Amino acid sequence: MADELTSRRYKTALVVTGGGSVRRNGELDAVLKALEAAGVRVVEFSGIEPNPRVTSVDRAAALCRAEGVDLVVAVGGGLTMDASKAICAAAGHDGPAWELVLDNSLVKDALPLMTVNTIAATGSEYDNSAVISNIETNEKLPLASDLLWPVVSFIDPAYTITVPARQTVAGYCDIMSHYLEQYFVKDISPVAEGLIEGILRTVIRNTPVVLENPADLNARSELLWASTLGCNGIDNTHFEAMAEHIEKHWFAPLEAFPVPFSRKDVVEVLKRSL
């Protein structure tokens, strides 16, 4: 990571984290050391919510402008990466971040984003979209732009070893939901069909392995690879397929005690598709 940072000559990075697990398990320290080794000044922004709120995005974007940030580094899972994408877009926008969510075409500029993924789940490390919540309007909507692709994503299976079993399973349900949604579209190609079937077999085969032995890096590598390919379009993504996924954000935006989105999503996709 230090080599990548040095080659790109960044000066100040906003490091975005969630609830604190990356600090407790040492992953954040490793990132901070890499930034220090590359001579990059660090500004930290922590506490991203399970459903990233636009208020947090606005505060982080203001911090970027005040501190002269020229790079955003997301350390965590999909929600941290989603928030970071919105921060990248909002930092260069003259107005509230929610304007960008309501009209994605307003994203005209964005800070570069690096991600350090800590869970196999959303595939946000290799796509250009995010989902952001607005408590005031009770909405949870997508933000997407070609300016929001990460410039680099660091995917180390060792960073996923400490993920609790329950969250591990929820992540793998999320992976499967992405592929199931695309598998059942009307115009899927035979090549994409075979690719999706192979990836689903990979998830089914390796999930029991990591639940029995969380330190199995080979199985975790396979699952991270499956996660990473889920939303980047390589498996023949159609809007009509992903609309099923986006629909879950619209219909259950801000539950007080949410069941992990991915588990509900898999059940609903199977009910509607089979």
Protein backbone atom coordinates (compact mmCIF):
# COMPACT_ATOMS: atom_id res chain seq x y z
CA MET A 1 0.00 0.00 0.00
CA ALA A 2 2.83 2.41 0.84
CA ASP A 3 4.31 1.92 -2.65
CA GLU A 4 0.95 2.66 -4.29
CA LEU A 5 0.52 5.79 -2.18
CA THR A 6 4.02 7.02 -2.93
CA SER A 7 3.67 6.53 -6.67
CA ARG A 8 0.48 8.62 -6.74
CA ARG A 9 1.94 11.42 -4.59
CA TYR A 10 -1.02 12.04 -2.35
CA LYS A 11 -0.52 14.54 0.46
CA THR A 12 -3.51 14.32 2.82
CA ALA A 13 -5.87 11.38 3.27
CA LEU A 14 -9.23 11.18 4.99
CA VAL A 15 -9.37 7.71 6.58
CA VAL A 16 -13.00 6.62 7.00
CA THR A 17 -14.04 3.89 9.44
CA GLY A 18 -17.19 2.55 11.05
CA GLY A 19 -17.91 1.36 14.56
CA GLY A 20 -14.37 0.61 15.72
CA SER A 21 -13.68 -3.05 14.93
CA VAL A 22 -10.86 -2.16 12.52
CA ARG A 23 -9.17 -0.25 15.33
CA ARG A 24 -9.55 -3.11 17.81
CA ASN A 25 -8.21 -5.82 15.49
CA GLY A 26 -5.23 -3.83 14.24
CA GLU A 27 -6.27 -3.33 10.63
CA LEU A 28 -6.51 0.44 10.98
CA ASP A 29 -3.04 0.61 12.51
CA ALA A 30 -1.60 -1.18 9.48
CA VAL A 31 -3.23 1.34 7.14
CA LEU A 32 -2.06 4.31 9.19
CA LYS A 33 1.50 2.97 9.17
CA ALA A 34 1.40 2.60 5.39
CA LEU A 35 0.16 6.17 5.02
CA GLU A 36 2.88 7.41 7.36
CA ALA A 37 5.53 5.48 5.43
CA ALA A 38 4.38 7.16 2.23
CA GLY A 39 4.52 10.61 3.82
CA VAL A 40 0.74 11.10 3.65
CA ARG A 41 -0.86 13.22 6.37
CA VAL A 42 -3.89 11.54 7.96
CA VAL A 43 -7.25 12.99 8.93
CA GLU A 44 -9.54 10.43 10.58
CA PHE A 45 -13.32 10.25 10.33
CA SER A 46 -14.97 7.45 12.31
CA GLY A 47 -18.44 6.35 13.30
CA ILE A 48 -20.07 5.64 9.92
CA GLU A 49 -23.51 4.19 10.68
CA PRO A 50 -24.77 0.72 9.58
CA ASN A 51 -27.00 2.63 7.12
CA PRO A 52 -24.64 5.48 6.12
CA ARG A 53 -26.38 8.77 6.79
CA VAL A 54 -26.15 11.78 4.54
CA THR A 55 -25.45 13.94 7.60
CA SER A 56 -22.22 12.01 8.17
CA VAL A 57 -21.35 12.39 4.49
CA ASP A 58 -21.84 16.16 4.71
CA ARG A 59 -19.68 16.44 7.83
CA ALA A 60 -16.90 14.36 6.29
CA ALA A 61 -17.03 16.31 3.02
CA ALA A 62 -16.71 19.58 4.93
CA LEU A 63 -13.70 18.12 6.74
CA CYS A 64 -12.14 17.21 3.39
CA ARG A 65 -12.46 20.80 2.18
CA ALA A 66 -11.15 22.28 5.43
CA GLU A 67 -8.12 19.98 5.60
CA GLY A 68 -7.18 20.00 1.91
CA VAL A 69 -7.79 16.27 1.53
CA ASP A 70 -6.75 14.81 -1.83
CA LEU A 71 -7.50 11.13 -1.11
CA VAL A 72 -10.19 9.19 0.76
CA VAL A 73 -9.29 5.79 2.25
CA ALA A 74 -12.16 3.53 3.33
CA VAL A 75 -11.20 0.89 5.91
CA GLY A 76 -14.02 -1.55 6.58
CA GLY A 77 -16.93 -3.21 4.84
CA GLY A 78 -19.48 -2.15 2.27
CA LEU A 79 -21.17 0.52 4.34
CA THR A 80 -17.89 2.28 5.05
CA MET A 81 -16.99 2.07 1.36
CA ASP A 82 -20.43 3.36 0.35
CA ALA A 83 -20.14 6.34 2.66
CA SER A 84 -16.64 7.04 1.36
CA LYS A 85 -17.85 7.13 -2.24
CA ALA A 86 -20.49 9.67 -1.29
CA ILE A 87 -17.86 11.68 0.60
CA CYS A 88 -15.61 11.68 -2.48
CA ALA A 89 -18.46 13.09 -4.56
CA ALA A 90 -19.72 15.57 -1.97
CA ALA A 91 -16.29 17.06 -1.25
CA GLY A 92 -16.29 18.78 -4.62
CA HIS A 93 -19.98 19.68 -4.69
CA ASP A 94 -21.24 23.15 -3.82
CA GLY A 95 -24.30 22.06 -1.91
CA PRO A 96 -25.63 19.28 0.34
CA ALA A 97 -24.72 15.70 -0.52
CA TRP A 98 -28.39 14.70 -0.75
CA GLU A 99 -28.65 16.71 -3.97
CA LEU A 100 -26.20 14.24 -5.52
CA VAL A 101 -28.20 11.27 -4.29
CA LEU A 102 -31.42 12.65 -5.76
CA ASP A 103 -29.72 13.50 -9.06
CA ASN A 104 -26.60 11.44 -9.74
CA SER A 105 -25.83 13.47 -12.86
CA LEU A 106 -24.76 16.33 -10.58
CA VAL A 107 -21.58 14.42 -9.69
CA LYS A 108 -19.07 16.35 -11.77
CA ASP A 109 -15.93 15.80 -9.73
CA ALA A 110 -14.80 13.42 -7.00
CA LEU A 111 -11.80 12.78 -4.81
CA PRO A 112 -9.91 9.54 -5.53
CA LEU A 113 -10.86 6.60 -3.33
CA MET A 114 -8.80 3.69 -2.02
CA THR A 115 -10.50 0.87 -0.15
CA VAL A 116 -9.23 -1.66 2.37
CA ASN A 117 -11.93 -4.32 2.49
CA THR A 118 -12.51 -6.26 5.71
CA ILE A 119 -15.43 -8.55 4.77
CA ALA A 120 -16.57 -10.61 1.80
CA ALA A 121 -20.05 -9.26 1.13
CA THR A 122 -21.15 -6.24 -0.89
CA GLY A 123 -18.56 -6.02 -3.68
CA SER A 124 -18.39 -2.27 -3.07
CA GLU A 125 -14.62 -2.42 -3.43
CA TYR A 126 -15.08 -2.99 -7.16
CA ASP A 127 -18.09 -0.93 -8.20
CA ASN A 128 -19.05 2.70 -8.67
CA SER A 129 -22.17 2.97 -6.52
CA ALA A 130 -23.34 3.52 -2.95
CA VAL A 131 -26.56 3.59 -0.94
CA ILE A 132 -27.12 6.54 1.40
CA SER A 133 -29.84 7.16 4.01
CA ASN A 134 -31.66 10.34 4.93
CA ILE A 135 -33.24 10.19 8.39
CA GLU A 136 -35.26 13.38 7.86
CA THR A 137 -37.04 12.08 4.76
CA ASN A 138 -36.95 8.38 5.72
CA GLU A 139 -35.29 7.51 2.40
CA LYS A 140 -32.46 5.21 1.42
CA LEU A 141 -31.36 5.77 -2.18
CA PRO A 142 -28.52 4.87 -4.57
CA LEU A 143 -25.70 7.11 -5.72
CA ALA A 144 -23.73 6.01 -8.79
CA SER A 145 -21.14 7.64 -11.02
CA ASP A 146 -18.18 6.55 -13.12
CA LEU A 147 -16.17 9.03 -11.04
CA LEU A 148 -16.66 6.84 -7.96
CA TRP A 149 -14.74 3.71 -8.98
CA PRO A 150 -11.96 3.09 -6.44
CA VAL A 151 -8.53 3.82 -7.88
CA VAL A 152 -7.13 0.89 -5.88
CA SER A 153 -8.69 -1.70 -3.58
CA PHE A 154 -6.62 -3.77 -1.16
CA ILE A 155 -8.19 -7.16 -0.52
CA ASP A 156 -6.38 -9.26 2.09
CA PRO A 157 -8.14 -12.39 3.41
CA ALA A 158 -6.27 -12.02 6.70
CA TYR A 159 -8.38 -8.92 7.39
CA THR A 160 -11.57 -11.02 7.35
CA ILE A 161 -10.54 -13.63 9.94
CA THR A 162 -12.01 -11.74 12.91
CA VAL A 163 -15.46 -11.16 11.36
CA PRO A 164 -18.08 -12.83 13.64
CA ALA A 165 -19.75 -15.96 12.27
CA ARG A 166 -23.19 -14.36 12.08
CA GLN A 167 -21.91 -11.43 10.05
CA THR A 168 -19.80 -13.77 7.94
CA VAL A 169 -22.92 -15.71 6.92
CA ALA A 170 -24.84 -12.48 6.24
CA GLY A 171 -22.02 -11.40 3.96
CA TYR A 172 -22.14 -14.61 1.98
CA CYS A 173 -25.91 -14.27 1.62
CA ASP A 174 -25.27 -10.82 0.18
CA ILE A 175 -22.82 -12.26 -2.34
CA MET A 176 -25.33 -14.88 -3.42
CA SER A 177 -28.15 -12.35 -3.73
CA HIS A 178 -26.12 -10.31 -6.21
CA TYR A 179 -25.63 -13.31 -8.46
CA LEU A 180 -29.12 -14.78 -8.07
CA GLU A 181 -30.66 -11.47 -9.11
CA GLN A 182 -28.62 -11.50 -12.29
CA TYR A 183 -29.02 -15.23 -12.96
CA PHE A 184 -32.79 -14.96 -13.33
CA VAL A 185 -32.88 -12.07 -15.79
CA LYS A 186 -34.56 -12.77 -19.11
CA ASP A 187 -31.63 -12.09 -21.46
CA ILE A 188 -28.70 -13.57 -19.57
CA SER A 189 -26.02 -15.05 -21.84
CA PRO A 190 -24.81 -18.66 -21.55
CA VAL A 191 -21.33 -17.42 -20.65
CA ALA A 192 -22.66 -15.27 -17.80
CA GLU A 193 -24.90 -18.12 -16.68
CA GLY A 194 -21.94 -20.46 -16.36
CA LEU A 195 -19.85 -17.84 -14.59
CA ILE A 196 -22.56 -17.20 -12.01
CA GLU A 197 -23.10 -20.92 -11.40
CA GLY A 198 -19.39 -21.39 -10.78
CA ILE A 199 -19.24 -18.48 -8.35
CA LEU A 200 -22.32 -19.68 -6.45
CA ARG A 201 -20.71 -23.13 -6.11
CA THR A 202 -17.59 -21.43 -4.77
CA VAL A 203 -19.60 -19.62 -2.07
CA ILE A 204 -21.53 -22.76 -1.12
CA ARG A 205 -18.36 -24.85 -0.94
CA ASN A 206 -16.21 -22.42 1.04
CA THR A 207 -18.71 -20.98 3.54
CA PRO A 208 -18.76 -24.09 5.80
CA VAL A 209 -14.96 -24.18 5.62
CA VAL A 210 -14.46 -20.70 7.08
CA LEU A 211 -17.18 -21.25 9.69
CA GLU A 212 -15.32 -24.33 10.92
CA ASN A 213 -11.86 -22.76 10.55
CA PRO A 214 -11.99 -18.94 10.42
CA ALA A 215 -8.24 -18.78 9.72
CA ASP A 216 -8.45 -20.74 6.44
CA LEU A 217 -7.00 -18.08 4.13
CA ASN A 218 -7.50 -20.12 0.95
CA ALA A 219 -11.25 -20.38 1.51
CA ARG A 220 -11.47 -16.74 2.53
CA SER A 221 -9.59 -15.72 -0.61
CA GLU A 222 -12.09 -17.59 -2.78
CA LEU A 223 -14.99 -15.88 -1.03
CA LEU A 224 -13.44 -12.43 -1.36
CA TRP A 225 -12.92 -13.05 -5.08
CA ALA A 226 -16.56 -14.07 -5.41
CA SER A 227 -17.63 -10.93 -3.54
CA THR A 228 -15.49 -8.61 -5.62
CA LEU A 229 -17.02 -9.73 -8.92
CA GLY A 230 -20.61 -9.36 -7.75
CA CYS A 231 -21.54 -5.83 -8.80
CA ASN A 232 -18.97 -4.67 -11.36
CA GLY A 233 -20.83 -5.86 -14.45
CA ILE A 234 -18.60 -8.77 -15.45
CA ASP A 235 -21.44 -11.22 -14.87
CA ASN A 236 -23.84 -9.61 -17.32
CA THR A 237 -25.56 -7.17 -14.97
CA HIS A 238 -28.86 -5.70 -16.17
CA PHE A 239 -30.78 -2.95 -14.41
CA GLU A 240 -33.85 -5.18 -14.37
CA ALA A 241 -31.85 -7.64 -12.27
CA MET A 242 -30.27 -5.19 -9.85
CA ALA A 243 -33.58 -3.39 -9.44
CA GLU A 244 -34.59 -6.34 -7.25
CA HIS A 245 -31.63 -5.53 -4.99
CA ILE A 246 -32.25 -1.77 -4.96
CA GLU A 247 -35.92 -2.38 -4.19
CA LYS A 248 -34.98 -3.70 -0.73
CA HIS A 249 -33.43 -0.33 0.10
CA TRP A 250 -36.59 1.51 -0.93
CA PHE A 251 -39.08 -0.67 0.96
CA ALA A 252 -37.25 -1.08 4.27
CA PRO A 253 -35.16 2.05 4.62
CA LEU A 254 -34.64 2.71 8.30
CA GLU A 255 -35.70 -0.18 10.51
CA ALA A 256 -35.01 0.26 14.20
CA PHE A 257 -33.73 -3.29 14.65
CA PRO A 258 -32.84 -4.47 11.14
CA VAL A 259 -32.34 -8.06 10.10
CA PRO A 260 -29.17 -7.99 7.98
CA PHE A 261 -30.26 -6.78 4.57
CA SER A 262 -28.52 -9.61 2.77
CA ARG A 263 -30.42 -12.38 4.55
CA LYS A 264 -33.80 -10.84 3.77
CA ASP A 265 -32.67 -10.20 0.22
CA VAL A 266 -31.77 -13.83 -0.54
CA VAL A 267 -35.09 -15.10 0.82
CA GLU A 268 -37.08 -12.56 -1.18
CA VAL A 269 -35.17 -13.18 -4.42
CA LEU A 270 -35.68 -16.91 -4.13
CA LYS A 271 -39.40 -16.50 -3.43
CA ARG A 272 -39.89 -14.28 -6.46
CA SER A 273 -37.63 -16.11 -8.89
CA LEU A 274 -38.21 -19.82 -8.37
